[in-house]
C-alpha atoms as a PDB file:
ATOM      1  CA  MET A   1     158.098-149.367  34.511  1.00  0.00           C
ATOM      2  CA  GLU A   2     161.185-147.016  33.662  1.00  0.00           C
ATOM      3  CA  PRO A   3     161.752-145.081  36.734  1.00  0.00           C
ATOM      4  CA  THR A   4     164.338-142.447  35.657  1.00  0.00           C
ATOM      5  CA  ASN A   5     166.281-141.977  32.467  1.00  0.00           C
ATOM      6  CA  PHE A   6     169.616-140.494  32.937  1.00  0.00           C
ATOM      7  CA  SER A   7     169.435-138.108  30.220  1.00  0.00           C
ATOM      8  CA  MET A   8     166.713-136.843  31.132  1.00  0.00           C
ATOM      9  CA  ILE A   9     167.882-135.616  34.271  1.00  0.00           C
ATOM     10  CA  THR A  10     171.052-134.623  33.671  1.00  0.00           C
ATOM     11  CA  THR A  11     170.826-132.762  29.771  1.00  0.00           C
ATOM     12  CA  THR A  12     169.349-129.995  28.116  1.00  0.00           C
ATOM     13  CA  ASN A  13     166.351-132.510  27.841  1.00  0.00           C
ATOM     14  CA  ALA A  14     165.643-133.038  31.489  1.00  0.00           C
ATOM     15  CA  TRP A  15     162.389-130.425  31.043  1.00  0.00           C
ATOM     16  CA  SER A  16     161.414-131.181  27.578  1.00  0.00           C
ATOM     17  CA  ASP A  17     158.383-133.224  29.000  1.00  0.00           C
ATOM     18  CA  ASN A  18     157.735-131.346  31.794  1.00  0.00           C
ATOM     19  CA  SER A  19     158.994-127.540  31.746  1.00  0.00           C
ATOM     20  CA  THR A  20     156.365-126.133  34.325  1.00  0.00           C
ATOM     21  CA  ALA A  21     159.511-125.050  36.413  1.00  0.00           C
ATOM     22  CA  LEU A  22     161.856-124.248  33.630  1.00  0.00           C
ATOM     23  CA  PRO A  23     164.485-121.509  35.084  1.00  0.00           C
ATOM     24  CA  ASN A  24     165.347-118.507  33.009  1.00  0.00           C
ATOM     25  CA  ALA A  25     167.858-118.967  30.316  1.00  0.00           C
ATOM     26  CA  THR A  26     171.337-117.750  31.968  1.00  0.00           C
ATOM     27  CA  ASP A  27     170.464-119.798  35.097  1.00  0.00           C
ATOM     28  CA  TRP A  28     169.932-123.005  32.869  1.00  0.00           C
ATOM     29  CA  GLU A  29     173.141-122.808  31.149  1.00  0.00           C
ATOM     30  CA  ASP A  30     175.068-122.445  34.074  1.00  0.00           C
ATOM     31  CA  GLN A  31     172.835-125.561  35.439  1.00  0.00           C
ATOM     32  CA  LEU A  32     173.851-127.988  32.383  1.00  0.00           C
ATOM     33  CA  THR A  33     177.806-126.792  32.429  1.00  0.00           C
ATOM     34  CA  LEU A  34     177.602-127.753  35.807  1.00  0.00           C
ATOM     35  CA  ALA A  35     176.110-131.093  35.406  1.00  0.00           C
ATOM     36  CA  ARG A  36     178.486-131.913  32.953  1.00  0.00           C
ATOM     37  CA  ASN A  37     181.628-130.789  34.954  1.00  0.00           C
ATOM     38  CA  ILE A  38     180.324-132.742  37.756  1.00  0.00           C
ATOM     39  CA  ILE A  39     178.204-135.542  37.044  1.00  0.00           C
ATOM     40  CA  PRO A  40     180.422-137.455  34.424  1.00  0.00           C
ATOM     41  CA  PRO A  41     183.624-137.588  37.237  1.00  0.00           C
ATOM     42  CA  TYR A  42     181.392-138.509  39.772  1.00  0.00           C
ATOM     43  CA  MET A  43     179.908-141.693  37.825  1.00  0.00           C
ATOM     44  CA  PHE A  44     183.213-143.081  36.898  1.00  0.00           C
ATOM     45  CA  ILE A  45     184.386-142.795  40.573  1.00  0.00           C
ATOM     46  CA  VAL A  46     180.712-144.572  41.775  1.00  0.00           C
ATOM     47  CA  CYS A  47     181.532-147.166  39.034  1.00  0.00           C
ATOM     48  CA  ALA A  48     184.764-147.972  39.748  1.00  0.00           C
ATOM     49  CA  LEU A  49     184.182-148.192  43.577  1.00  0.00           C
ATOM     50  CA  GLY A  50     180.994-149.804  43.510  1.00  0.00           C
ATOM     51  CA  LEU A  51     182.400-152.539  40.679  1.00  0.00           C
ATOM     52  CA  LEU A  52     185.276-153.000  43.203  1.00  0.00           C
ATOM     53  CA  GLY A  53     183.257-153.559  45.961  1.00  0.00           C
ATOM     54  CA  ASN A  54     180.494-155.218  44.952  1.00  0.00           C
ATOM     55  CA  SER A  55     182.542-157.704  42.845  1.00  0.00           C
ATOM     56  CA  PHE A  56     184.123-158.511  46.244  1.00  0.00           C
ATOM     57  CA  VAL A  57     181.466-159.103  48.154  1.00  0.00           C
ATOM     58  CA  LEU A  58     179.726-161.449  45.185  1.00  0.00           C
ATOM     59  CA  LEU A  59     183.159-162.960  45.334  1.00  0.00           C
ATOM     60  CA  VAL A  60     183.518-164.024  48.795  1.00  0.00           C
ATOM     61  CA  PHE A  61     180.109-165.469  48.629  1.00  0.00           C
ATOM     62  CA  LEU A  62     180.215-167.493  45.755  1.00  0.00           C
ATOM     63  CA  THR A  63     183.908-168.845  47.007  1.00  0.00           C
ATOM     64  CA  GLN A  64     183.316-169.731  50.488  1.00  0.00           C
ATOM     65  CA  LYS A  65     183.276-173.329  51.594  1.00  0.00           C
ATOM     66  CA  ASP A  66     180.554-173.438  53.321  1.00  0.00           C
ATOM     67  CA  ARG A  67     176.994-173.520  52.003  1.00  0.00           C
ATOM     68  CA  LEU A  68     175.064-170.243  51.675  1.00  0.00           C
ATOM     69  CA  THR A  69     172.604-169.283  53.961  1.00  0.00           C
ATOM     70  CA  VAL A  70     169.313-167.450  53.428  1.00  0.00           C
ATOM     71  CA  PRO A  71     170.559-163.919  54.014  1.00  0.00           C
ATOM     72  CA  GLU A  72     173.631-164.233  52.204  1.00  0.00           C
ATOM     73  CA  ILE A  73     172.011-165.720  49.142  1.00  0.00           C
ATOM     74  CA  TYR A  74     170.012-162.462  49.224  1.00  0.00           C
ATOM     75  CA  LEU A  75     172.422-159.716  49.952  1.00  0.00           C
ATOM     76  CA  GLY A  76     174.760-161.552  47.035  1.00  0.00           C
ATOM     77  CA  ASN A  77     171.703-161.097  44.465  1.00  0.00           C
ATOM     78  CA  LEU A  78     171.640-157.506  45.892  1.00  0.00           C
ATOM     79  CA  ALA A  79     175.175-157.143  44.865  1.00  0.00           C
ATOM     80  CA  LEU A  80     174.638-158.372  41.468  1.00  0.00           C
ATOM     81  CA  ALA A  81     171.903-156.048  40.801  1.00  0.00           C
ATOM     82  CA  ASP A  82     173.916-153.254  41.983  1.00  0.00           C
ATOM     83  CA  ILE A  83     176.611-154.453  39.415  1.00  0.00           C
ATOM     84  CA  VAL A  84     174.023-154.191  36.811  1.00  0.00           C
ATOM     85  CA  LEU A  85     173.575-150.787  37.421  1.00  0.00           C
ATOM     86  CA  LEU A  86     177.049-149.667  37.874  1.00  0.00           C
ATOM     87  CA  VAL A  87     178.105-150.876  34.359  1.00  0.00           C
ATOM     88  CA  SER A  88     175.265-148.365  32.936  1.00  0.00           C
ATOM     89  CA  LEU A  89     177.121-145.431  34.440  1.00  0.00           C
ATOM     90  CA  PRO A  90     180.209-145.160  31.916  1.00  0.00           C
ATOM     91  CA  PHE A  91     177.890-144.940  28.857  1.00  0.00           C
ATOM     92  CA  TRP A  92     175.504-142.200  30.434  1.00  0.00           C
ATOM     93  CA  ALA A  93     178.712-139.953  31.923  1.00  0.00           C
ATOM     94  CA  MET A  94     180.020-140.000  28.250  1.00  0.00           C
ATOM     95  CA  THR A  95     176.710-138.922  27.213  1.00  0.00           C
ATOM     96  CA  ILE A  96     176.396-136.425  29.337  1.00  0.00           C
ATOM     97  CA  ARG A  97     179.753-135.032  29.013  1.00  0.00           C
ATOM     98  CA  ARG A  98     179.195-135.059  24.726  1.00  0.00           C
ATOM     99  CA  HIS A  99     176.138-132.771  25.318  1.00  0.00           C
ATOM    100  CA  SER A 100     173.434-135.278  25.077  1.00  0.00           C
ATOM    101  CA  VAL A 101     174.789-137.202  22.380  1.00  0.00           C
ATOM    102  CA  TRP A 102     174.444-140.983  22.151  1.00  0.00           C
ATOM    103  CA  ARG A 103     177.096-142.754  20.170  1.00  0.00           C
ATOM    104  CA  TYR A 104     176.585-146.382  21.023  1.00  0.00           C
ATOM    105  CA  GLY A 105     173.542-147.305  19.164  1.00  0.00           C
ATOM    106  CA  GLU A 106     169.853-148.290  19.577  1.00  0.00           C
ATOM    107  CA  ALA A 107     170.250-151.627  21.007  1.00  0.00           C
ATOM    108  CA  MET A 108     172.984-150.344  23.637  1.00  0.00           C
ATOM    109  CA  CYS A 109     170.570-147.278  24.404  1.00  0.00           C
ATOM    110  CA  LYS A 110     167.775-149.951  25.453  1.00  0.00           C
ATOM    111  CA  ILE A 111     170.270-151.988  27.246  1.00  0.00           C
ATOM    112  CA  VAL A 112     171.566-149.242  29.429  1.00  0.00           C
ATOM    113  CA  ASN A 113     168.407-147.834  30.140  1.00  0.00           C
ATOM    114  CA  SER A 114     166.638-151.489  30.997  1.00  0.00           C
ATOM    115  CA  SER A 115     169.438-151.800  33.416  1.00  0.00           C
ATOM    116  CA  ILE A 116     168.657-148.760  35.621  1.00  0.00           C
ATOM    117  CA  THR A 117     165.076-150.436  35.918  1.00  0.00           C
ATOM    118  CA  VAL A 118     166.237-154.129  36.385  1.00  0.00           C
ATOM    119  CA  ASN A 119     168.292-152.313  39.367  1.00  0.00           C
ATOM    120  CA  VAL A 120     165.410-150.655  41.008  1.00  0.00           C
ATOM    121  CA  TYR A 121     162.655-153.222  41.210  1.00  0.00           C
ATOM    122  CA  THR A 122     165.024-156.106  42.008  1.00  0.00           C
ATOM    123  CA  GLY A 123     167.188-154.502  44.215  1.00  0.00           C
ATOM    124  CA  LEU A 124     164.191-153.489  46.683  1.00  0.00           C
ATOM    125  CA  TYR A 125     162.343-156.564  46.196  1.00  0.00           C
ATOM    126  CA  ILE A 126     165.151-158.727  47.526  1.00  0.00           C
ATOM    127  CA  ILE A 127     165.515-156.011  50.367  1.00  0.00           C
ATOM    128  CA  ALA A 128     161.846-156.637  50.556  1.00  0.00           C
ATOM    129  CA  MET A 129     162.654-160.453  51.069  1.00  0.00           C
ATOM    130  CA  VAL A 130     165.272-159.888  53.123  1.00  0.00           C
ATOM    131  CA  SER A 131     163.100-157.981  55.580  1.00  0.00           C
ATOM    132  CA  VAL A 132     160.182-161.163  55.457  1.00  0.00           C
ATOM    133  CA  ASP A 133     163.296-163.730  55.884  1.00  0.00           C
ATOM    134  CA  ARG A 134     164.241-161.551  59.039  1.00  0.00           C
ATOM    135  CA  TYR A 135     160.582-161.696  59.869  1.00  0.00           C
ATOM    136  CA  LEU A 136     160.368-165.350  59.623  1.00  0.00           C
ATOM    137  CA  ALA A 137     163.543-166.145  61.529  1.00  0.00           C
ATOM    138  CA  LEU A 138     162.897-164.315  64.603  1.00  0.00           C
ATOM    139  CA  VAL A 139     159.013-163.622  64.992  1.00  0.00           C
ATOM    140  CA  GLN A 140     157.690-166.994  63.318  1.00  0.00           C
ATOM    141  CA  THR A 141     160.592-168.981  64.201  1.00  0.00           C
ATOM    142  CA  MET A 142     158.892-172.272  64.584  1.00  0.00           C
ATOM    143  CA  ARG A 143     155.887-171.798  62.867  1.00  0.00           C
ATOM    144  CA  ALA A 144     157.394-170.720  59.282  1.00  0.00           C
ATOM    145  CA  ARG A 145     160.715-172.487  59.367  1.00  0.00           C
ATOM    146  CA  TRP A 146     160.280-174.285  56.685  1.00  0.00           C
ATOM    147  CA  LEU A 147     159.843-171.669  54.487  1.00  0.00           C
ATOM    148  CA  ARG A 148     163.287-170.709  55.456  1.00  0.00           C
ATOM    149  CA  ARG A 149     165.130-172.853  53.074  1.00  0.00           C
ATOM    150  CA  THR A 150     167.860-171.840  50.970  1.00  0.00           C
ATOM    151  CA  LEU A 151     166.346-173.704  47.759  1.00  0.00           C
ATOM    152  CA  TYR A 152     163.180-171.329  48.217  1.00  0.00           C
ATOM    153  CA  ALA A 153     165.443-168.489  48.742  1.00  0.00           C
ATOM    154  CA  LYS A 154     167.142-169.115  45.459  1.00  0.00           C
ATOM    155  CA  VAL A 155     163.837-169.605  43.327  1.00  0.00           C
ATOM    156  CA  ILE A 156     162.570-166.297  45.353  1.00  0.00           C
ATOM    157  CA  CYS A 157     165.798-164.413  43.687  1.00  0.00           C
ATOM    158  CA  VAL A 158     165.127-165.713  40.112  1.00  0.00           C
ATOM    159  CA  VAL A 159     161.756-164.719  40.573  1.00  0.00           C
ATOM    160  CA  MET A 160     162.723-160.987  41.465  1.00  0.00           C
ATOM    161  CA  TRP A 161     165.051-161.316  38.551  1.00  0.00           C
ATOM    162  CA  LEU A 162     162.138-162.226  36.385  1.00  0.00           C
ATOM    163  CA  TRP A 163     160.324-159.375  37.924  1.00  0.00           C
ATOM    164  CA  GLY A 164     162.748-156.774  37.344  1.00  0.00           C
ATOM    165  CA  VAL A 165     163.137-157.848  34.009  1.00  0.00           C
ATOM    166  CA  PHE A 166     159.248-157.641  33.068  1.00  0.00           C
ATOM    167  CA  MET A 167     159.273-153.823  34.658  1.00  0.00           C
ATOM    168  CA  SER A 168     161.698-153.134  32.425  1.00  0.00           C
ATOM    169  CA  THR A 169     159.642-153.920  29.239  1.00  0.00           C
ATOM    170  CA  PRO A 170     158.279-150.380  28.785  1.00  0.00           C
ATOM    171  CA  SER A 171     162.128-149.283  28.499  1.00  0.00           C
ATOM    172  CA  LEU A 172     163.020-151.972  26.057  1.00  0.00           C
ATOM    173  CA  VAL A 173     159.517-151.038  23.709  1.00  0.00           C
ATOM    174  CA  TYR A 174     159.516-146.831  24.059  1.00  0.00           C
ATOM    175  CA  THR A 175     163.440-146.272  24.288  1.00  0.00           C
ATOM    176  CA  THR A 176     164.977-145.380  21.229  1.00  0.00           C
ATOM    177  CA  VAL A 177     167.813-143.475  19.342  1.00  0.00           C
ATOM    178  CA  ILE A 178     166.505-140.038  18.154  1.00  0.00           C
ATOM    179  CA  ASN A 179     168.079-137.050  16.063  1.00  0.00           C
ATOM    180  CA  ASP A 180     168.184-133.894  18.175  1.00  0.00           C
ATOM    181  CA  PRO A 181     165.554-131.615  16.040  1.00  0.00           C
ATOM    182  CA  ASP A 182     167.944-128.647  16.511  1.00  0.00           C
ATOM    183  CA  THR A 183     171.484-130.041  16.146  1.00  0.00           C
ATOM    184  CA  GLY A 184     170.591-133.330  14.271  1.00  0.00           C
ATOM    185  CA  THR A 185     172.841-135.417  16.559  1.00  0.00           C
ATOM    186  CA  PRO A 186     171.624-138.946  17.794  1.00  0.00           C
ATOM    187  CA  MET A 187     169.915-138.979  21.580  1.00  0.00           C
ATOM    188  CA  CYS A 188     169.036-141.924  23.159  1.00  0.00           C
ATOM    189  CA  GLU A 189     165.275-141.017  24.579  1.00  0.00           C
ATOM    190  CA  LEU A 190     162.433-142.366  26.179  1.00  0.00           C
ATOM    191  CA  VAL A 191     159.633-141.473  23.868  1.00  0.00           C
ATOM    192  CA  TYR A 192     155.938-141.944  24.825  1.00  0.00           C
ATOM    193  CA  GLY A 193     152.890-139.544  25.352  1.00  0.00           C
ATOM    194  CA  PRO A 194     152.558-137.597  28.721  1.00  0.00           C
ATOM    195  CA  THR A 195     149.531-140.109  29.545  1.00  0.00           C
ATOM    196  CA  TRP A 196     151.726-143.028  29.468  1.00  0.00           C
ATOM    197  CA  ARG A 197     154.628-140.533  31.308  1.00  0.00           C
ATOM    198  CA  LEU A 198     152.127-140.037  34.043  1.00  0.00           C
ATOM    199  CA  ALA A 199     151.031-143.445  34.520  1.00  0.00           C
ATOM    200  CA  ASP A 200     154.707-145.008  34.654  1.00  0.00           C
ATOM    201  CA  GLN A 201     155.385-142.576  37.233  1.00  0.00           C
ATOM    202  CA  ILE A 202     152.533-143.810  39.416  1.00  0.00           C
ATOM    203  CA  ALA A 203     152.968-146.983  38.846  1.00  0.00           C
ATOM    204  CA  PHE A 204     156.878-146.571  39.913  1.00  0.00           C
ATOM    205  CA  SER A 205     156.099-144.771  42.743  1.00  0.00           C
ATOM    206  CA  VAL A 206     153.449-147.829  44.182  1.00  0.00           C
ATOM    207  CA  LEU A 207     155.104-150.735  42.697  1.00  0.00           C
ATOM    208  CA  GLY A 208     158.677-149.413  43.020  1.00  0.00           C
ATOM    209  CA  PHE A 209     158.911-147.958  46.491  1.00  0.00           C
ATOM    210  CA  ALA A 210     155.705-147.935  48.551  1.00  0.00           C
ATOM    211  CA  LEU A 211     154.941-151.190  48.250  1.00  0.00           C
ATOM    212  CA  PRO A 212     157.825-153.104  49.167  1.00  0.00           C
ATOM    213  CA  VAL A 213     158.374-150.330  52.161  1.00  0.00           C
ATOM    214  CA  VAL A 214     155.009-151.202  53.697  1.00  0.00           C
ATOM    215  CA  VAL A 215     156.435-154.758  53.902  1.00  0.00           C
ATOM    216  CA  ILE A 216     160.110-153.493  54.819  1.00  0.00           C
ATOM    217  CA  VAL A 217     158.599-151.322  57.613  1.00  0.00           C
ATOM    218  CA  PHE A 218     156.121-154.297  59.099  1.00  0.00           C
ATOM    219  CA  CYS A 219     158.959-156.586  59.152  1.00  0.00           C
ATOM    220  CA  SER A 220     161.525-154.490  60.667  1.00  0.00           C
ATOM    221  CA  GLY A 221     159.250-153.100  63.422  1.00  0.00           C
ATOM    222  CA  ALA A 222     157.961-156.961  64.335  1.00  0.00           C
ATOM    223  CA  VAL A 223     161.611-157.933  64.212  1.00  0.00           C
ATOM    224  CA  ILE A 224     162.467-154.773  66.305  1.00  0.00           C
ATOM    225  CA  ARG A 225     159.926-155.578  68.962  1.00  0.00           C
ATOM    226  CA  ALA A 226     160.857-159.656  68.996  1.00  0.00           C
ATOM    227  CA  LEU A 227     164.652-158.679  69.663  1.00  0.00           C
ATOM    228  CA  ASN A 228     163.502-156.498  72.564  1.00  0.00           C
ATOM    229  CA  ARG A 229     161.447-158.981  74.244  1.00  0.00           C
ATOM    230  CA  ARG A 230     163.906-161.603  74.432  1.00  0.00           C
ATOM    231  CA  LYS A 231     164.999-161.572  77.837  1.00  0.00           C
ATOM    232  CA  THR A 232     167.339-164.126  78.187  1.00  0.00           C
ATOM    233  CA  VAL A 233     170.439-164.598  75.662  1.00  0.00           C
ATOM    234  CA  CYS A 234     170.700-168.323  74.409  1.00  0.00           C
ATOM    235  CA  SER A 235     174.207-169.486  73.140  1.00  0.00           C
ATOM    236  CA  ASP A 236     172.970-169.174  69.137  1.00  0.00           C
ATOM    237  CA  GLN A 237     171.729-165.206  69.855  1.00  0.00           C
ATOM    238  CA  GLY A 238     174.831-163.594  68.129  1.00  0.00           C
ATOM    239  CA  SER A 239     174.149-165.602  65.344  1.00  0.00           C
ATOM    240  CA  TYR A 240     170.813-164.278  64.925  1.00  0.00           C
ATOM    241  CA  ARG A 241     172.021-160.454  65.570  1.00  0.00           C
ATOM    242  CA  LYS A 242     174.678-160.264  63.507  1.00  0.00           C
ATOM    243  CA  PRO A 243     172.783-160.758  60.201  1.00  0.00           C
ATOM    244  CA  THR A 244     170.030-159.392  61.138  1.00  0.00           C
ATOM    245  CA  THR A 245     172.143-155.834  61.953  1.00  0.00           C
ATOM    246  CA  LEU A 246     173.493-156.150  58.509  1.00  0.00           C
ATOM    247  CA  VAL A 247     170.478-156.319  56.770  1.00  0.00           C
ATOM    248  CA  PHE A 248     168.629-153.545  59.023  1.00  0.00           C
ATOM    249  CA  ALA A 249     171.747-151.676  57.743  1.00  0.00           C
ATOM    250  CA  VAL A 250     171.323-152.240  54.287  1.00  0.00           C
ATOM    251  CA  THR A 251     167.896-151.733  54.355  1.00  0.00           C
ATOM    252  CA  THR A 252     167.933-148.183  56.255  1.00  0.00           C
ATOM    253  CA  LEU A 253     170.882-147.258  53.446  1.00  0.00           C
ATOM    254  CA  PHE A 254     168.616-148.173  50.534  1.00  0.00           C
ATOM    255  CA  LEU A 255     165.612-146.136  51.930  1.00  0.00           C
ATOM    256  CA  VAL A 256     167.587-142.995  52.923  1.00  0.00           C
ATOM    257  CA  CYS A 257     169.149-143.112  49.385  1.00  0.00           C
ATOM    258  CA  TRP A 258     165.954-143.732  47.427  1.00  0.00           C
ATOM    259  CA  ALA A 259     163.553-141.427  49.259  1.00  0.00           C
ATOM    260  CA  PRO A 260     164.782-138.075  48.450  1.00  0.00           C
ATOM    261  CA  PHE A 261     164.600-139.543  44.553  1.00  0.00           C
ATOM    262  CA  HIS A 262     161.180-140.702  44.789  1.00  0.00           C
ATOM    263  CA  VAL A 263     159.720-137.504  46.482  1.00  0.00           C
ATOM    264  CA  PHE A 264     160.827-135.527  43.413  1.00  0.00           C
ATOM    265  CA  ASN A 265     159.256-138.220  41.131  1.00  0.00           C
ATOM    266  CA  PHE A 266     155.947-137.823  43.551  1.00  0.00           C
ATOM    267  CA  LEU A 267     155.802-133.937  43.151  1.00  0.00           C
ATOM    268  CA  ASP A 268     156.587-134.529  39.640  1.00  0.00           C
ATOM    269  CA  VAL A 269     153.638-136.246  39.405  1.00  0.00           C
ATOM    270  CA  LEU A 270     151.544-133.774  41.421  1.00  0.00           C
ATOM    271  CA  GLY A 271     152.627-130.948  39.105  1.00  0.00           C
ATOM    272  CA  GLN A 272     151.437-132.989  36.086  1.00  0.00           C
ATOM    273  CA  LEU A 273     147.900-133.218  37.377  1.00  0.00           C
ATOM    274  CA  ASP A 274     148.214-129.304  38.777  1.00  0.00           C
ATOM    275  CA  LEU A 275     147.977-129.925  42.005  1.00  0.00           C
ATOM    276  CA  VAL A 276     151.350-128.314  42.669  1.00  0.00           C
ATOM    277  CA  ASP A 277     152.750-125.214  41.039  1.00  0.00           C
ATOM    278  CA  GLU A 278     156.721-126.372  40.728  1.00  0.00           C
ATOM    279  CA  THR A 279     157.358-122.931  39.356  1.00  0.00           C
ATOM    280  CA  GLN A 280     158.025-121.701  42.999  1.00  0.00           C
ATOM    281  CA  TRP A 281     160.954-123.914  43.336  1.00  0.00           C
ATOM    282  CA  GLY A 282     162.365-122.609  40.239  1.00  0.00           C
ATOM    283  CA  HIS A 283     165.877-124.273  39.354  1.00  0.00           C
ATOM    284  CA  ALA A 284     166.580-125.136  43.138  1.00  0.00           C
ATOM    285  CA  PHE A 285     164.093-128.124  41.737  1.00  0.00           C
ATOM    286  CA  TYR A 286     166.759-129.138  39.326  1.00  0.00           C
ATOM    287  CA  ILE A 287     169.870-128.960  41.366  1.00  0.00           C
ATOM    288  CA  LEU A 288     167.860-130.986  44.383  1.00  0.00           C
ATOM    289  CA  HIS A 289     166.825-133.537  41.735  1.00  0.00           C
ATOM    290  CA  LEU A 290     170.275-133.717  40.772  1.00  0.00           C
ATOM    291  CA  VAL A 291     171.377-134.415  44.099  1.00  0.00           C
ATOM    292  CA  ALA A 292     168.820-137.030  44.333  1.00  0.00           C
ATOM    293  CA  VAL A 293     170.087-138.756  41.234  1.00  0.00           C
ATOM    294  CA  CYS A 294     173.845-138.732  42.972  1.00  0.00           C
ATOM    295  CA  MET A 295     172.110-140.275  46.022  1.00  0.00           C
ATOM    296  CA  VAL A 296     171.082-142.606  44.291  1.00  0.00           C
ATOM    297  CA  LEU A 297     174.015-144.205  42.647  1.00  0.00           C
ATOM    298  CA  LEU A 298     175.870-143.813  45.753  1.00  0.00           C
ATOM    299  CA  ASN A 299     173.608-146.392  47.399  1.00  0.00           C
ATOM    300  CA  SER A 300     175.542-149.426  45.243  1.00  0.00           C
ATOM    301  CA  VAL A 301     178.723-148.032  46.523  1.00  0.00           C
ATOM    302  CA  LEU A 302     177.614-148.148  50.302  1.00  0.00           C
ATOM    303  CA  ASN A 303     176.198-151.306  50.391  1.00  0.00           C
ATOM    304  CA  PRO A 304     179.734-152.867  50.490  1.00  0.00           C
ATOM    305  CA  VAL A 305     181.040-150.713  52.878  1.00  0.00           C
ATOM    306  CA  LEU A 306     178.137-151.488  55.027  1.00  0.00           C
ATOM    307  CA  TYR A 307     179.618-155.296  55.085  1.00  0.00           C
ATOM    308  CA  VAL A 308     183.073-153.804  56.506  1.00  0.00           C
ATOM    309  CA  PHE A 309     181.531-152.028  59.782  1.00  0.00           C
ATOM    310  CA  PHE A 310     178.738-154.341  59.995  1.00  0.00           C
ATOM    311  CA  GLY A 311     179.485-157.355  58.842  1.00  0.00           C
ATOM    312  CA  GLN A 312     181.714-159.183  61.554  1.00  0.00           C
ATOM    313  CA  TYR A 313     180.261-162.291  60.477  1.00  0.00           C
ATOM    314  CA  PHE A 314     181.023-161.452  56.842  1.00  0.00           C
ATOM    315  CA  TRP A 315     185.004-160.752  57.579  1.00  0.00           C
ATOM    316  CA  LYS A 316     184.962-164.581  59.036  1.00  0.00           C
ATOM    317  CA  LYS A 317     184.194-165.601  55.664  1.00  0.00           C
ATOM    318  CA  VAL A 318     186.662-163.311  54.225  1.00  0.00           C
ATOM    319  CA  ARG A 319     189.144-164.865  56.604  1.00  0.00           C
ATOM    320  CA  SER A 320     188.157-168.645  56.361  1.00  0.00           C
ATOM    321  CA  LEU A 321     188.969-168.385  52.598  1.00  0.00           C
ATOM    322  CA  PHE A 322     192.556-168.214  53.405  1.00  0.00           C
ATOM    323  CA  ARG A 323     192.648-170.704  56.252  1.00  0.00           C
ATOM    324  CA  LYS A 324     192.916-174.753  55.485  1.00  0.00           C
ATOM    325  CA  PRO A 325     189.104-176.141  56.568  1.00  0.00           C
ATOM    326  CA  LYS A 326     188.871-177.433  60.055  1.00  0.00           C
ATOM    327  CA  HIS A 327     186.179-180.319  60.758  1.00  0.00           C
ATOM    328  CA  HIS A 328     183.940-179.434  63.572  1.00  0.00           C
ATOM    329  CA  HIS A 329     180.511-179.414  64.601  1.00  0.00           C
ATOM    330  CA  ARG A 330     178.826-176.501  66.169  1.00  0.00           C
ATOM    331  CA  ARG A 331     175.957-177.262  68.225  1.00  0.00           C
ATOM    332  CA  GLY A 332     173.128-175.177  69.429  1.00  0.00           C
ATOM    333  CA  CYS A 333     173.559-172.686  66.835  1.00  0.00           C
ATOM    334  CA  ASP A 334     171.243-172.600  63.185  1.00  0.00           C
ATOM    335  CA  ARG A 335     173.343-171.191  60.807  1.00  0.00           C
ATOM    336  CA  SER A 336     170.516-170.582  58.316  1.00  0.00           C
ATOM    337  CA  VAL A 337     169.530-167.165  60.233  1.00  0.00           C
END
């Protein structure tokens, strides 16, 4: 399912399918000017910083001398999912700057739109699996130990990528380049009727947010309770807490950055069902929607930053890349946590 189309959010087409909250002409033009002046530079900055940070994280995981742990496999794939989204931003930035004119052909129109969907579903479900892994490691420690194998984590990541690609199928099918009826200029649009659009948004809210969030909240709550119940700290307690702290930070950031966008998506669904009158918000609805989109993009930049502030174990791996290998064995600790 197609969660968002930047051309429909930040250009004159944003209200083409749902004009219930359309502001007056003067305010509307001011908002479009604001979007064209702010959003493209913001996208370029996010793209540059995000690619730099996520590429660094991915490089550290891929070049380390030790075998990857289960959390590292998941977090590495999360960085890759962010990269997939980030490489699409320059195309949208230039399109917004050119007043919605798409200059990159129909194939790139489909690919760039689909990359957004792949990032949303793959990234969120990988985070859900990270939470499940923490649950198995700290709550079902002995009972489900056999489930926490690196081979299984790799297979799960492949399945998550296939899931993201599958959910992007409607984008590949319905996204196309059309000519603007007024100017005749080409535009990259997601073209389907209001019924399909409503079904798409509902599926996005349920499958693309609510379902994995329920899993994340359940697992995180169980992990917190398990950590609070530990009265004695064994020698390997730090190996549990360090990756768990990083996982909680990444998960919290993801939910904070994506929640506002899903709130607006839900309000839009209610508006199409005539359960909410969007006209009461006027042009503020559009401005706040832009802010929500900016927060979504910011998530891909801040993920690598969390590794700096919360990933002490990650920085040990960075330093180990520049050291000569030492042959020693650590007893009493399980690196797979």
